[in-house]
C-alpha atoms as a PDB file:
ATOM      1  CA  MET A   1     -48.549 -14.362  16.721  1.00  0.00           C
ATOM      2  CA  PHE A   2     -47.675 -14.966  13.130  1.00  0.00           C
ATOM      3  CA  HIS A   3     -44.231 -16.420  12.051  1.00  0.00           C
ATOM      4  CA  VAL A   4     -43.046 -14.451   9.130  1.00  0.00           C
ATOM      5  CA  PRO A   5     -40.317 -16.296   6.858  1.00  0.00           C
ATOM      6  CA  LEU A   6     -37.206 -14.674   6.356  1.00  0.00           C
ATOM      7  CA  THR A   7     -36.269 -14.253   2.384  1.00  0.00           C
ATOM      8  CA  PRO A   8     -32.762 -13.644   1.876  1.00  0.00           C
ATOM      9  CA  SER A   9     -33.219  -9.726   1.034  1.00  0.00           C
ATOM     10  CA  LEU A  10     -35.207  -9.125   4.351  1.00  0.00           C
ATOM     11  CA  LYS A  11     -32.856 -11.267   6.538  1.00  0.00           C
ATOM     12  CA  MET A  12     -30.290  -8.935   5.114  1.00  0.00           C
ATOM     13  CA  THR A  13     -32.325  -6.163   6.083  1.00  0.00           C
ATOM     14  CA  VAL A  14     -32.976  -7.226   9.838  1.00  0.00           C
ATOM     15  CA  LEU A  15     -29.431  -8.186  10.100  1.00  0.00           C
ATOM     16  CA  ALA A  16     -28.469  -4.619   9.303  1.00  0.00           C
ATOM     17  CA  THR A  17     -30.893  -3.311  11.158  1.00  0.00           C
ATOM     18  CA  ASP A  18     -29.520  -5.105  14.346  1.00  0.00           C
ATOM     19  CA  GLN A  19     -25.956  -4.475  13.875  1.00  0.00           C
ATOM     20  CA  THR A  20     -26.550  -0.760  13.435  1.00  0.00           C
ATOM     21  CA  PRO A  21     -26.993   1.912  16.340  1.00  0.00           C
ATOM     22  CA  PRO A  22     -30.366   3.405  16.820  1.00  0.00           C
ATOM     23  CA  GLY A  23     -30.425   6.282  14.390  1.00  0.00           C
ATOM     24  CA  HIS A  24     -28.748   4.399  11.636  1.00  0.00           C
ATOM     25  CA  THR A  25     -30.694   2.257   9.098  1.00  0.00           C
ATOM     26  CA  VAL A  26     -28.341   1.868   6.159  1.00  0.00           C
ATOM     27  CA  GLY A  27     -26.581  -1.127   6.363  1.00  0.00           C
ATOM     28  CA  PRO A  28     -23.415  -1.948   7.540  1.00  0.00           C
ATOM     29  CA  TYR A  29     -21.451   1.246   6.872  1.00  0.00           C
ATOM     30  CA  ASN A  30     -23.726   3.467   8.952  1.00  0.00           C
ATOM     31  CA  TYR A  31     -23.774   5.344   5.406  1.00  0.00           C
ATOM     32  CA  VAL A  32     -24.719   5.118   1.736  1.00  0.00           C
ATOM     33  CA  PRO A  33     -21.512   5.113  -0.461  1.00  0.00           C
ATOM     34  CA  THR A  34     -21.840   7.937  -2.408  1.00  0.00           C
ATOM     35  CA  GLU A  35     -22.382   6.419  -6.431  1.00  0.00           C
ATOM     36  CA  TRP A  36     -20.276   9.032  -7.884  1.00  0.00           C
ATOM     37  CA  ILE A  37     -16.982   8.969  -5.684  1.00  0.00           C
ATOM     38  CA  CYS A  38     -17.086   5.241  -6.049  1.00  0.00           C
ATOM     39  CA  ILE A  39     -17.223   5.619  -9.802  1.00  0.00           C
ATOM     40  CA  LEU A  40     -14.453   8.531  -9.861  1.00  0.00           C
ATOM     41  CA  PHE A  41     -12.264   6.302  -7.892  1.00  0.00           C
ATOM     42  CA  LEU A  42     -12.808   2.874  -9.675  1.00  0.00           C
ATOM     43  CA  VAL A  43     -11.969   4.991 -13.314  1.00  0.00           C
ATOM     44  CA  LEU A  44      -8.954   6.280 -11.476  1.00  0.00           C
ATOM     45  CA  TYR A  45      -7.361   2.927 -10.064  1.00  0.00           C
ATOM     46  CA  SER A  46      -8.388   1.369 -13.603  1.00  0.00           C
ATOM     47  CA  ILE A  47      -6.319   3.914 -15.554  1.00  0.00           C
ATOM     48  CA  SER A  48      -3.348   3.769 -13.080  1.00  0.00           C
ATOM     49  CA  THR A  49      -3.526  -0.217 -13.237  1.00  0.00           C
ATOM     50  CA  ILE A  50      -3.652  -0.501 -17.031  1.00  0.00           C
ATOM     51  CA  LEU A  51      -0.865   2.088 -17.028  1.00  0.00           C
ATOM     52  CA  HIS A  52       1.404   0.137 -14.741  1.00  0.00           C
ATOM     53  CA  LEU A  53       0.584  -3.388 -16.265  1.00  0.00           C
ATOM     54  CA  GLY A  54       2.100  -1.287 -19.334  1.00  0.00           C
ATOM     55  CA  GLN A  55       5.047   0.433 -18.164  1.00  0.00           C
ATOM     56  CA  ALA A  56       6.241  -2.915 -16.308  1.00  0.00           C
ATOM     57  CA  LEU A  57       5.830  -4.721 -19.338  1.00  0.00           C
ATOM     58  CA  LYS A  58       7.346  -1.568 -21.563  1.00  0.00           C
ATOM     59  CA  PHE A  59      10.534  -1.525 -19.143  1.00  0.00           C
ATOM     60  CA  ARG A  60      10.883  -5.091 -18.248  1.00  0.00           C
ATOM     61  CA  LEU A  61      10.396  -4.336 -14.301  1.00  0.00           C
ATOM     62  CA  TRP A  62       8.759  -7.349 -13.470  1.00  0.00           C
ATOM     63  CA  TRP A  63       8.636  -7.104  -9.855  1.00  0.00           C
ATOM     64  CA  MET A  64       6.110  -3.816 -10.590  1.00  0.00           C
ATOM     65  CA  LEU A  65       3.324  -6.644 -11.463  1.00  0.00           C
ATOM     66  CA  PRO A  66       2.880  -8.034  -8.123  1.00  0.00           C
ATOM     67  CA  THR A  67       3.488  -4.634  -6.002  1.00  0.00           C
ATOM     68  CA  ALA A  68       1.959  -1.345  -7.762  1.00  0.00           C
ATOM     69  CA  THR A  69      -0.013  -3.257 -10.475  1.00  0.00           C
ATOM     70  CA  LEU A  70      -1.701  -5.973  -7.897  1.00  0.00           C
ATOM     71  CA  ALA A  71      -2.379  -2.850  -5.606  1.00  0.00           C
ATOM     72  CA  GLY A  72      -4.155  -1.161  -8.190  1.00  0.00           C
ATOM     73  CA  ILE A  73      -6.504  -4.308  -9.017  1.00  0.00           C
ATOM     74  CA  LEU A  74      -7.126  -5.071  -5.260  1.00  0.00           C
ATOM     75  CA  GLU A  75      -8.225  -1.146  -5.201  1.00  0.00           C
ATOM     76  CA  ILE A  76     -10.192  -1.688  -8.669  1.00  0.00           C
ATOM     77  CA  LEU A  77     -12.005  -4.810  -6.273  1.00  0.00           C
ATOM     78  CA  GLY A  78     -12.749  -2.877  -3.295  1.00  0.00           C
ATOM     79  CA  TRP A  79     -13.896   0.407  -4.968  1.00  0.00           C
ATOM     80  CA  SER A  80     -15.994  -2.134  -7.193  1.00  0.00           C
ATOM     81  CA  ALA A  81     -17.665  -3.121  -4.321  1.00  0.00           C
ATOM     82  CA  ARG A  82     -18.152  -0.113  -2.867  1.00  0.00           C
ATOM     83  CA  LEU A  83     -20.232   0.948  -5.838  1.00  0.00           C
ATOM     84  CA  TRP A  84     -22.280  -2.203  -5.342  1.00  0.00           C
ATOM     85  CA  SER A  85     -22.679  -1.247  -2.286  1.00  0.00           C
ATOM     86  CA  SER A  86     -24.203   2.265  -2.864  1.00  0.00           C
ATOM     87  CA  LYS A  87     -26.502   0.769  -5.134  1.00  0.00           C
ATOM     88  CA  SER A  88     -27.517  -2.158  -2.112  1.00  0.00           C
ATOM     89  CA  PRO A  89     -26.422  -0.387   1.074  1.00  0.00           C
ATOM     90  CA  ARG A  90     -27.838  -3.157   3.302  1.00  0.00           C
ATOM     91  CA  LEU A  91     -25.931  -5.983   1.214  1.00  0.00           C
ATOM     92  CA  LEU A  92     -23.249  -7.545   3.368  1.00  0.00           C
ATOM     93  CA  THR A  93     -21.518  -9.169   0.242  1.00  0.00           C
ATOM     94  CA  PRO A  94     -20.012  -6.002  -1.362  1.00  0.00           C
ATOM     95  CA  TYR A  95     -19.334  -4.587   2.189  1.00  0.00           C
ATOM     96  CA  GLU A  96     -16.889  -7.674   2.739  1.00  0.00           C
ATOM     97  CA  MET A  97     -15.396  -7.340  -0.326  1.00  0.00           C
ATOM     98  CA  GLN A  98     -14.782  -3.681   0.157  1.00  0.00           C
ATOM     99  CA  LEU A  99     -13.506  -4.239   3.938  1.00  0.00           C
ATOM    100  CA  VAL A 100     -10.750  -6.800   2.383  1.00  0.00           C
ATOM    101  CA  GLY A 101      -9.757  -5.149  -0.594  1.00  0.00           C
ATOM    102  CA  THR A 102      -9.139  -1.979   0.357  1.00  0.00           C
ATOM    103  CA  VAL A 103      -7.651  -2.501   3.551  1.00  0.00           C
ATOM    104  CA  VAL A 104      -4.969  -5.102   1.627  1.00  0.00           C
ATOM    105  CA  ALA A 105      -4.519  -3.291  -1.235  1.00  0.00           C
ATOM    106  CA  PRO A 106      -1.588  -0.647  -0.372  1.00  0.00           C
ATOM    107  CA  THR A 107       0.765  -3.017   0.848  1.00  0.00           C
ATOM    108  CA  PRO A 108       1.999  -4.667  -1.975  1.00  0.00           C
ATOM    109  CA  LEU A 109       2.523  -0.242  -3.118  1.00  0.00           C
ATOM    110  CA  VAL A 110       4.413  -0.544   0.242  1.00  0.00           C
ATOM    111  CA  ALA A 111       6.439  -3.131  -1.440  1.00  0.00           C
ATOM    112  CA  ALA A 112       6.980  -1.277  -4.487  1.00  0.00           C
ATOM    113  CA  ASN A 113       8.868   1.331  -2.568  1.00  0.00           C
ATOM    114  CA  PHE A 114      10.835  -1.213  -0.659  1.00  0.00           C
ATOM    115  CA  ILE A 115      12.217  -2.536  -3.977  1.00  0.00           C
ATOM    116  CA  ILE A 116      12.597   1.054  -5.348  1.00  0.00           C
ATOM    117  CA  LEU A 117      14.995   2.126  -2.363  1.00  0.00           C
ATOM    118  CA  GLY A 118      17.105  -1.059  -2.684  1.00  0.00           C
ATOM    119  CA  LYS A 119      17.632  -0.163  -6.285  1.00  0.00           C
ATOM    120  CA  ILE A 120      18.734   3.522  -5.391  1.00  0.00           C
ATOM    121  CA  ILE A 121      20.882   2.463  -2.867  1.00  0.00           C
ATOM    122  CA  GLY A 122      22.821   0.095  -5.675  1.00  0.00           C
ATOM    123  CA  GLN A 123      23.128   3.093  -7.573  1.00  0.00           C
ATOM    124  CA  ILE A 124      24.492   5.557  -5.024  1.00  0.00           C
ATOM    125  CA  GLY A 125      26.593   3.376  -3.148  1.00  0.00           C
ATOM    126  CA  PRO A 126      25.899   0.324  -0.809  1.00  0.00           C
ATOM    127  CA  GLN A 127      28.502   1.555   1.146  1.00  0.00           C
ATOM    128  CA  TYR A 128      26.339   3.980   2.725  1.00  0.00           C
ATOM    129  CA  SER A 129      23.781   1.728   3.518  1.00  0.00           C
ATOM    130  CA  ARG A 130      23.667  -0.592   6.487  1.00  0.00           C
ATOM    131  CA  LEU A 131      22.079  -3.134   4.838  1.00  0.00           C
ATOM    132  CA  THR A 132      22.464  -4.277   1.278  1.00  0.00           C
ATOM    133  CA  PRO A 133      20.311  -3.396  -1.078  1.00  0.00           C
ATOM    134  CA  LYS A 134      19.736  -7.392  -1.774  1.00  0.00           C
ATOM    135  CA  ILE A 135      19.086  -7.803   1.930  1.00  0.00           C
ATOM    136  CA  TYR A 136      17.152  -4.675   2.602  1.00  0.00           C
ATOM    137  CA  THR A 137      14.498  -5.812  -0.103  1.00  0.00           C
ATOM    138  CA  ILE A 138      14.427  -9.435   1.221  1.00  0.00           C
ATOM    139  CA  ILE A 139      13.637  -8.162   4.826  1.00  0.00           C
ATOM    140  CA  PHE A 140      11.337  -5.820   4.162  1.00  0.00           C
ATOM    141  CA  CYS A 141       9.400  -7.329   1.448  1.00  0.00           C
ATOM    142  CA  SER A 142       9.337 -10.326   3.344  1.00  0.00           C
ATOM    143  CA  PHE A 143       7.908  -8.291   6.389  1.00  0.00           C
ATOM    144  CA  ASP A 144       5.176  -6.803   4.063  1.00  0.00           C
ATOM    145  CA  VAL A 145       4.170 -10.211   2.927  1.00  0.00           C
ATOM    146  CA  VAL A 146       3.525 -10.898   6.280  1.00  0.00           C
ATOM    147  CA  CYS A 147       1.811  -7.857   7.036  1.00  0.00           C
ATOM    148  CA  LEU A 148      -0.441  -8.420   4.106  1.00  0.00           C
ATOM    149  CA  ILE A 149      -1.399 -11.888   5.007  1.00  0.00           C
ATOM    150  CA  VAL A 150      -2.610 -10.602   8.464  1.00  0.00           C
ATOM    151  CA  GLN A 151      -4.387  -8.170   7.114  1.00  0.00           C
ATOM    152  CA  ALA A 152      -6.018 -10.402   4.481  1.00  0.00           C
ATOM    153  CA  LEU A 153      -6.806 -13.096   7.497  1.00  0.00           C
ATOM    154  CA  GLY A 154      -8.124  -9.734   9.420  1.00  0.00           C
ATOM    155  CA  GLY A 155     -10.430  -9.003   6.680  1.00  0.00           C
ATOM    156  CA  ALA A 156     -11.671 -12.694   5.905  1.00  0.00           C
ATOM    157  CA  THR A 157     -12.290 -13.329   9.649  1.00  0.00           C
ATOM    158  CA  ALA A 158     -14.353 -10.040  10.209  1.00  0.00           C
ATOM    159  CA  ALA A 159     -16.223 -10.377   6.656  1.00  0.00           C
ATOM    160  CA  ARG A 160     -17.137 -14.314   7.826  1.00  0.00           C
ATOM    161  CA  ALA A 161     -18.288 -12.906  11.418  1.00  0.00           C
ATOM    162  CA  VAL A 162     -20.613 -10.302   9.645  1.00  0.00           C
ATOM    163  CA  SER A 163     -22.205 -12.660   7.713  1.00  0.00           C
ATOM    164  CA  GLN A 164     -22.621 -15.214  10.576  1.00  0.00           C
ATOM    165  CA  GLU A 165     -24.358 -12.526  12.330  1.00  0.00           C
ATOM    166  CA  THR A 166     -21.728 -12.873  15.238  1.00  0.00           C
ATOM    167  CA  SER A 167     -19.133 -10.233  16.686  1.00  0.00           C
ATOM    168  CA  ALA A 168     -16.553  -9.041  14.013  1.00  0.00           C
ATOM    169  CA  SER A 169     -14.238  -7.535  16.801  1.00  0.00           C
ATOM    170  CA  MET A 170     -11.352 -10.654  16.618  1.00  0.00           C
ATOM    171  CA  GLY A 171     -11.221  -9.605  12.706  1.00  0.00           C
ATOM    172  CA  ALA A 172     -11.058  -6.301  13.322  1.00  0.00           C
ATOM    173  CA  ASN A 173      -8.348  -6.778  15.994  1.00  0.00           C
ATOM    174  CA  ILE A 174      -6.120  -8.928  13.693  1.00  0.00           C
ATOM    175  CA  MET A 175      -6.572  -6.409  11.027  1.00  0.00           C
ATOM    176  CA  LEU A 176      -5.454  -3.766  13.375  1.00  0.00           C
ATOM    177  CA  GLY A 177      -2.394  -5.479  14.057  1.00  0.00           C
ATOM    178  CA  GLY A 178      -1.470  -5.811  10.658  1.00  0.00           C
ATOM    179  CA  ILE A 179      -1.611  -2.231   9.644  1.00  0.00           C
ATOM    180  CA  VAL A 180       0.298  -1.351  13.053  1.00  0.00           C
ATOM    181  CA  ALA A 181       2.887  -3.713  12.114  1.00  0.00           C
ATOM    182  CA  GLN A 182       3.033  -2.335   8.465  1.00  0.00           C
ATOM    183  CA  LEU A 183       3.049   1.273  10.525  1.00  0.00           C
ATOM    184  CA  PHE A 184       6.285  -0.019  12.301  1.00  0.00           C
ATOM    185  CA  ALA A 185       7.771  -1.159   9.350  1.00  0.00           C
ATOM    186  CA  ILE A 186       7.437   2.323   7.200  1.00  0.00           C
ATOM    187  CA  VAL A 187       9.020   4.142  10.006  1.00  0.00           C
ATOM    188  CA  VAL A 188      11.978   1.874  10.298  1.00  0.00           C
ATOM    189  CA  TYR A 189      12.443   1.893   6.372  1.00  0.00           C
ATOM    190  CA  VAL A 190      12.251   5.501   6.973  1.00  0.00           C
ATOM    191  CA  THR A 191      14.852   5.879   9.244  1.00  0.00           C
ATOM    192  CA  LEU A 192      17.100   3.689   7.510  1.00  0.00           C
ATOM    193  CA  ALA A 193      16.479   5.621   4.299  1.00  0.00           C
ATOM    194  CA  THR A 194      16.999   8.692   6.091  1.00  0.00           C
ATOM    195  CA  GLU A 195      20.468   7.662   7.786  1.00  0.00           C
ATOM    196  CA  PHE A 196      21.210   6.391   4.067  1.00  0.00           C
ATOM    197  CA  PHE A 197      21.040   9.572   2.600  1.00  0.00           C
ATOM    198  CA  LEU A 198      22.598  11.627   5.477  1.00  0.00           C
ATOM    199  CA  ARG A 199      25.701   9.523   5.290  1.00  0.00           C
ATOM    200  CA  VAL A 200      25.898   9.656   1.064  1.00  0.00           C
ATOM    201  CA  LYS A 201      25.489  13.890   1.851  1.00  0.00           C
ATOM    202  CA  TYR A 202      28.147  13.634   4.551  1.00  0.00           C
ATOM    203  CA  ASP A 203      30.174  11.047   2.599  1.00  0.00           C
ATOM    204  CA  ALA A 204      30.309   8.729   6.061  1.00  0.00           C
ATOM    205  CA  PRO A 205      30.300   5.266   4.745  1.00  0.00           C
ATOM    206  CA  VAL A 206      29.221   2.365   6.985  1.00  0.00           C
ATOM    207  CA  ARG A 207      31.716  -0.080   5.182  1.00  0.00           C
ATOM    208  CA  HIS A 208      34.355   0.185   2.787  1.00  0.00           C
ATOM    209  CA  VAL A 209      33.286  -0.598  -0.902  1.00  0.00           C
ATOM    210  CA  GLU A 210      35.578  -1.196  -3.729  1.00  0.00           C
ATOM    211  CA  GLN A 211      34.908   2.405  -5.821  1.00  0.00           C
ATOM    212  CA  PRO A 212      33.553   1.913  -9.224  1.00  0.00           C
ATOM    213  CA  ARG A 213      35.801   1.880 -12.298  1.00  0.00           C
ATOM    214  CA  VAL A 214      34.180   4.954 -13.618  1.00  0.00           C
ATOM    215  CA  LEU A 215      34.933   7.052 -10.262  1.00  0.00           C
ATOM    216  CA  GLU A 216      38.495   8.341 -10.261  1.00  0.00           C
ATOM    217  CA  LYS A 217      38.122   9.809  -6.570  1.00  0.00           C
ATOM    218  CA  GLY A 218      35.605  10.989  -4.224  1.00  0.00           C
ATOM    219  CA  GLN A 219      32.069  10.096  -3.843  1.00  0.00           C
ATOM    220  CA  ARG A 220      28.756   9.304  -6.258  1.00  0.00           C
ATOM    221  CA  THR A 221      27.496  12.440  -7.536  1.00  0.00           C
ATOM    222  CA  VAL A 222      23.269  12.090  -7.299  1.00  0.00           C
ATOM    223  CA  SER A 223      21.986  12.622 -10.856  1.00  0.00           C
ATOM    224  CA  LYS A 224      19.028  14.971 -11.283  1.00  0.00           C
ATOM    225  CA  SER A 225      16.693  12.073 -12.224  1.00  0.00           C
ATOM    226  CA  LEU A 226      17.396   9.938  -9.318  1.00  0.00           C
ATOM    227  CA  ARG A 227      16.667  13.163  -6.869  1.00  0.00           C
ATOM    228  CA  ILE A 228      13.378  13.177  -8.446  1.00  0.00           C
ATOM    229  CA  MET A 229      13.092   9.425  -8.065  1.00  0.00           C
ATOM    230  CA  ILE A 230      13.733   9.935  -4.706  1.00  0.00           C
ATOM    231  CA  TYR A 231      11.495  12.825  -4.022  1.00  0.00           C
ATOM    232  CA  ALA A 232       8.671  10.962  -5.532  1.00  0.00           C
ATOM    233  CA  MET A 233       9.090   7.602  -3.300  1.00  0.00           C
ATOM    234  CA  ALA A 234       9.334  10.015  -0.416  1.00  0.00           C
ATOM    235  CA  PHE A 235       5.766  11.227  -1.158  1.00  0.00           C
ATOM    236  CA  CYS A 236       4.627   8.078  -2.259  1.00  0.00           C
ATOM    237  CA  THR A 237       5.628   6.980   1.099  1.00  0.00           C
ATOM    238  CA  LEU A 238       3.858   9.656   3.146  1.00  0.00           C
ATOM    239  CA  CYS A 239       0.754   8.809   1.277  1.00  0.00           C
ATOM    240  CA  ILE A 240       0.705   5.470   2.554  1.00  0.00           C
ATOM    241  CA  PHE A 241       1.722   6.598   5.784  1.00  0.00           C
ATOM    242  CA  ILE A 242      -1.447   9.046   6.345  1.00  0.00           C
ATOM    243  CA  ARG A 243      -3.536   6.411   5.268  1.00  0.00           C
ATOM    244  CA  SER A 244      -2.008   3.801   7.624  1.00  0.00           C
ATOM    245  CA  ILE A 245      -2.312   6.385  10.481  1.00  0.00           C
ATOM    246  CA  TYR A 246      -5.958   6.884   9.258  1.00  0.00           C
ATOM    247  CA  ARG A 247      -6.627   3.041   9.447  1.00  0.00           C
ATOM    248  CA  THR A 248      -5.512   2.419  12.525  1.00  0.00           C
ATOM    249  CA  VAL A 249      -7.306   5.294  14.007  1.00  0.00           C
ATOM    250  CA  GLU A 250     -10.556   3.982  12.283  1.00  0.00           C
ATOM    251  CA  LEU A 251     -10.464   0.450  13.591  1.00  0.00           C
ATOM    252  CA  ALA A 252      -8.907   1.086  17.245  1.00  0.00           C
ATOM    253  CA  GLY A 253     -12.303   3.135  17.305  1.00  0.00           C
ATOM    254  CA  GLY A 254     -14.531   0.165  16.861  1.00  0.00           C
ATOM    255  CA  TRP A 255     -17.197  -0.771  13.896  1.00  0.00           C
ATOM    256  CA  PHE A 256     -19.591   2.467  15.288  1.00  0.00           C
ATOM    257  CA  GLY A 257     -16.830   4.860  16.108  1.00  0.00           C
ATOM    258  CA  PRO A 258     -17.271   8.233  14.578  1.00  0.00           C
ATOM    259  CA  VAL A 259     -14.064   7.527  12.311  1.00  0.00           C
ATOM    260  CA  ILE A 260     -15.411   4.755  10.277  1.00  0.00           C
ATOM    261  CA  THR A 261     -18.984   5.847  10.188  1.00  0.00           C
ATOM    262  CA  THR A 262     -17.925   9.059   8.382  1.00  0.00           C
ATOM    263  CA  GLN A 263     -17.596   8.569   4.727  1.00  0.00           C
ATOM    264  CA  ARG A 264     -15.390  11.804   3.791  1.00  0.00           C
ATOM    265  CA  TYR A 265     -12.508  10.323   6.097  1.00  0.00           C
ATOM    266  CA  PHE A 266     -12.881   7.217   4.306  1.00  0.00           C
ATOM    267  CA  ASP A 267     -12.673   8.725   0.864  1.00  0.00           C
ATOM    268  CA  TRP A 268      -9.915  11.371   1.293  1.00  0.00           C
ATOM    269  CA  LEU A 269      -7.694   9.464   3.650  1.00  0.00           C
ATOM    270  CA  ASP A 270      -7.904   6.009   2.460  1.00  0.00           C
ATOM    271  CA  GLY A 271      -8.841   6.834  -1.275  1.00  0.00           C
ATOM    272  CA  GLY A 272      -7.233   9.848  -1.821  1.00  0.00           C
ATOM    273  CA  MET A 273      -3.963   9.113  -0.096  1.00  0.00           C
ATOM    274  CA  VAL A 274      -3.573   6.057  -1.922  1.00  0.00           C
ATOM    275  CA  THR A 275      -4.789   7.251  -5.585  1.00  0.00           C
ATOM    276  CA  LEU A 276      -1.905   9.861  -5.016  1.00  0.00           C
ATOM    277  CA  ALA A 277       0.627   7.243  -3.916  1.00  0.00           C
ATOM    278  CA  ILE A 278      -0.177   4.769  -7.164  1.00  0.00           C
ATOM    279  CA  TYR A 279      -0.307   7.704  -9.421  1.00  0.00           C
ATOM    280  CA  THR A 280       2.842   8.988  -8.358  1.00  0.00           C
ATOM    281  CA  LEU A 281       4.637   5.941  -9.408  1.00  0.00           C
ATOM    282  CA  ASN A 282       3.164   6.140 -12.690  1.00  0.00           C
ATOM    283  CA  PHE A 283       4.619   9.655 -13.329  1.00  0.00           C
ATOM    284  CA  PHE A 284       7.790   8.911 -12.081  1.00  0.00           C
ATOM    285  CA  HIS A 285       8.211   5.541 -12.979  1.00  0.00           C
ATOM    286  CA  PRO A 286      11.362   3.878 -11.724  1.00  0.00           C
ATOM    287  CA  GLY A 287      11.623   2.340 -15.350  1.00  0.00           C
ATOM    288  CA  ILE A 288      12.179   5.970 -16.473  1.00  0.00           C
ATOM    289  CA  TRP A 289      13.714   7.796 -13.514  1.00  0.00           C
ATOM    290  CA  LEU A 290      16.298   5.169 -12.328  1.00  0.00           C
ATOM    291  CA  ASN A 291      18.212   5.853 -15.309  1.00  0.00           C
ATOM    292  CA  LYS A 292      20.376   3.187 -16.525  1.00  0.00           C
ATOM    293  CA  ALA A 293      21.697   5.319 -19.080  1.00  0.00           C
ATOM    294  CA  ASP A 294      24.156   7.002 -16.873  1.00  0.00           C
ATOM    295  CA  PRO A 295      27.591   4.861 -17.306  1.00  0.00           C
ATOM    296  CA  THR A 296      28.039   5.726 -13.610  1.00  0.00           C
ATOM    297  CA  ALA A 297      24.821   4.205 -12.263  1.00  0.00           C
ATOM    298  CA  GLN A 298      25.374   1.160 -15.018  1.00  0.00           C
ATOM    299  CA  VAL A 299      28.762   0.449 -13.313  1.00  0.00           C
ATOM    300  CA  LEU A 300      27.624   0.627  -9.510  1.00  0.00           C
ATOM    301  CA  GLN A 301      24.342  -1.232 -10.050  1.00  0.00           C
ATOM    302  CA  GLN A 302      26.586  -4.106 -11.869  1.00  0.00           C
ATOM    303  CA  ASP A 303      28.970  -3.836  -8.716  1.00  0.00           C
ATOM    304  CA  ALA A 304      26.391  -4.101  -6.336  1.00  0.00           C
ATOM    305  CA  ASP A 305      24.672  -7.004  -8.286  1.00  0.00           C
ATOM    306  CA  GLU A 306      28.144  -8.823  -8.274  1.00  0.00           C
ATOM    307  CA  GLU A 307      28.061  -7.918  -4.486  1.00  0.00           C
ATOM    308  CA  GLU A 308      25.118  -9.458  -3.999  1.00  0.00           C
ATOM    309  CA  ALA A 309      25.543 -12.485  -5.948  1.00  0.00           C
ATOM    310  CA  ALA A 310      28.637 -13.149  -3.718  1.00  0.00           C
ATOM    311  CA  THR A 311      26.777 -13.216  -0.650  1.00  0.00           C
END
């Protein structure tokens, strides 16, 4: 019997083979990420992130930096790692990087939608919402931060387990818990948003709020630009919701399940959905479509800000 010393590259090959079911010998993905697809998404996310950075600075919407811009940076990290894996599919380091990056990235994007809805409520009329714009933003963004931490912790735990040649099931379960919690938050968010818009439509306020000075009578008329922003926010939320359902099914099926080991599912239902969501906020940016040039919107937003400052 001869003892063959394991070099780092040979160790990675053996480890990847040991953790792969029979018939699969391509590393932890159980497939080789397609290079041109990785390059495509990397370019798309890079363009979107640069645009978000520029738009946030131009319109002085600083909250878009830790939300949409950060989401783009995390996606760039994740897809850069997948591009690395397309060259070296057996290496664990890029696999761990893309695991954490792509799981966590959409979470700040969800927070952007939470904040946008709060702004819309402030412009249309806080009296139609169960929560004030300030409370709405605080509650949902705080919960989103918790989901972000849980998903990051789960991703790091799973990555560490893989590198130590131990079971990554605990990390996967933690990530799954974070994604399910985020799904729950999105459902509650959509429910409250739907109630708000129905109350606006039928002029059924939850509580009395003094009407703005520019309104002599009647309810706030939703401008065309605000309607476009609402539709864009709804589409963005739908894309993230579809992606979250996919991720839930993916992780629930285990590391060698049919969903997680099929590349096209990931490309379309994760990469594709998040790309649509992040570009939606580029083309329908709140700095443009939450039109503060409307004098009614200006007064409504001012009154909402005064109400929040008093609470």
